[in-house]
């Protein structure tokens, strides 16, 4: 489960609308929470800690989700870098030029 889905699930489990949750978290605009729940923004750690209290989620459980999300993002980033350099099969995308073949020099006959 993604962190955004985890956040949304626990807000709903707490029987809170986005507007109610935003107010309890100390924000004015529900767009902030909407962006977190659909994955358009990464939640600041301070917000995650407040969510633990508001949604009644253990900090350990939230931490596990936060770390898992970071692991997934790091893996995706590493794979993109690898594929950019080596391609999907591990083959280098570096072009190697074939050696230039020159005709042998012929000495003028006397």
Protein backbone atom coordinates (compact mmCIF):
# COMPACT_ATOMS: atom_id res chain seq x y z
CA UNK A 1 0.00 0.00 0.00
CA UNK A 2 1.33 3.42 -0.87
CA UNK A 3 1.73 6.05 1.83
CA UNK A 4 -0.97 8.16 0.15
CA UNK A 5 -3.44 5.24 0.26
CA UNK A 6 -2.47 4.51 3.87
CA UNK A 7 -3.18 8.13 4.85
CA UNK A 8 -6.54 8.15 3.07
CA UNK A 9 -7.59 4.80 4.53
CA UNK A 10 -6.82 5.86 8.09
CA UNK A 11 -8.59 9.21 7.67
CA UNK A 12 -11.68 7.34 6.51
CA UNK A 13 -11.28 4.78 9.31
CA UNK A 14 -11.32 7.74 11.73
CA UNK A 15 -14.66 8.80 10.10
CA UNK A 16 -13.26 12.18 9.08
CA UNK A 17 -13.90 14.15 5.94
CA UNK A 18 -10.94 15.85 4.32
CA UNK A 19 -12.22 19.18 5.59
CA UNK A 20 -12.51 17.91 9.18
CA UNK A 21 -9.10 16.25 9.05
CA UNK A 22 -7.44 19.37 7.63
CA UNK A 23 -8.83 21.50 10.45
CA UNK A 24 -7.65 19.01 13.09
CA UNK A 25 -4.21 18.95 11.46
CA UNK A 26 -4.03 22.74 11.65
CA UNK A 27 -4.54 23.65 8.01
CA UNK A 28 -7.23 25.72 6.32
CA UNK A 29 -7.41 24.27 2.82
CA UNK A 30 -8.48 20.68 2.14
CA UNK A 31 -6.54 20.78 -1.15
CA UNK A 32 -3.38 20.20 0.91
CA UNK A 33 -4.71 16.87 2.20
CA UNK A 34 -6.19 15.96 -1.18
CA UNK A 35 -2.75 16.33 -2.77
CA UNK A 36 -1.24 14.06 -0.12
CA UNK A 37 -3.93 11.43 -0.53
CA UNK A 38 -3.61 11.22 -4.31
CA UNK A 39 0.17 11.20 -4.15
CA UNK A 40 0.86 14.59 -5.74
CA UNK A 41 2.81 15.77 -2.70
CA UNK A 42 4.99 14.08 -0.13
CA UNK A 43 3.80 14.70 3.40
CA UNK A 44 6.20 16.45 5.75
CA UNK A 45 7.22 14.26 8.69
CA UNK A 46 5.65 16.75 11.12
CA UNK A 47 2.29 16.28 9.38
CA UNK A 48 2.62 12.50 9.53
CA UNK A 49 3.23 12.74 13.27
CA UNK A 50 0.08 14.88 13.72
CA UNK A 51 -1.85 12.40 11.58
CA UNK A 52 -0.88 9.65 14.01
CA UNK A 53 -2.68 11.49 16.80
CA UNK A 54 -5.67 12.64 14.74
CA UNK A 55 -6.20 9.29 12.98
CA UNK A 56 -5.20 7.20 16.02
CA UNK A 57 -2.43 5.37 14.16
CA UNK A 58 0.70 4.21 15.97
CA UNK A 59 3.88 6.09 15.13
CA UNK A 60 5.58 2.75 14.42
CA UNK A 61 2.96 1.86 11.81
CA UNK A 62 3.24 5.31 10.19
CA UNK A 63 7.04 5.04 10.22
CA UNK A 64 6.88 1.65 8.49
CA UNK A 65 4.70 3.09 5.73
CA UNK A 66 6.93 6.15 5.40
CA UNK A 67 10.09 4.02 5.11
CA UNK A 68 8.43 1.64 2.64
CA UNK A 69 7.39 4.57 0.44
CA UNK A 70 10.95 5.95 0.54
CA UNK A 71 12.31 2.49 -0.40
CA UNK A 72 9.94 2.21 -3.36
CA UNK A 73 10.86 5.68 -4.61
CA UNK A 74 14.59 5.01 -4.21
CA UNK A 75 14.27 1.72 -6.11
CA UNK A 76 12.37 3.38 -8.97
CA UNK A 77 14.98 6.12 -9.18
CA UNK A 78 17.86 3.63 -9.19
CA UNK A 79 16.18 1.53 -11.90
CA UNK A 80 15.60 4.61 -14.10
CA UNK A 81 19.27 5.59 -13.77
CA UNK A 82 20.38 2.03 -14.52
CA UNK A 83 18.12 1.72 -17.56
CA UNK A 84 19.21 5.10 -18.86
CA UNK A 85 22.81 3.95 -18.85
CA UNK A 86 22.53 0.21 -19.51
CA UNK A 87 19.09 -0.34 -21.00
CA UNK A 88 16.60 -2.87 -19.71
CA UNK A 89 18.73 -5.95 -20.35
CA UNK A 90 21.88 -4.61 -18.77
CA UNK A 91 23.47 -3.87 -22.13
CA UNK A 92 25.51 -0.70 -22.16
CA UNK A 93 24.03 2.10 -24.21
CA UNK A 94 27.50 3.43 -24.98
CA UNK A 95 28.30 3.52 -28.66
CA UNK A 96 31.56 1.86 -29.56
CA UNK A 97 33.13 2.86 -32.82
CA UNK A 98 34.51 0.11 -34.99
CA UNK A 99 38.23 0.44 -35.67
CA UNK A 100 39.03 2.27 -38.87
CA UNK A 101 40.56 -0.06 -41.45
CA UNK A 102 43.22 1.58 -43.60
CA UNK A 103 44.75 0.21 -46.72
CA UNK A 104 48.37 -0.81 -46.22
CA UNK A 105 50.88 1.69 -47.41
CA UNK A 106 52.63 0.67 -50.59
CA UNK A 107 56.26 1.63 -51.06
CA UNK A 108 57.06 3.00 -54.47
CA UNK A 109 59.12 0.51 -56.52
CA UNK A 110 62.42 1.64 -57.86
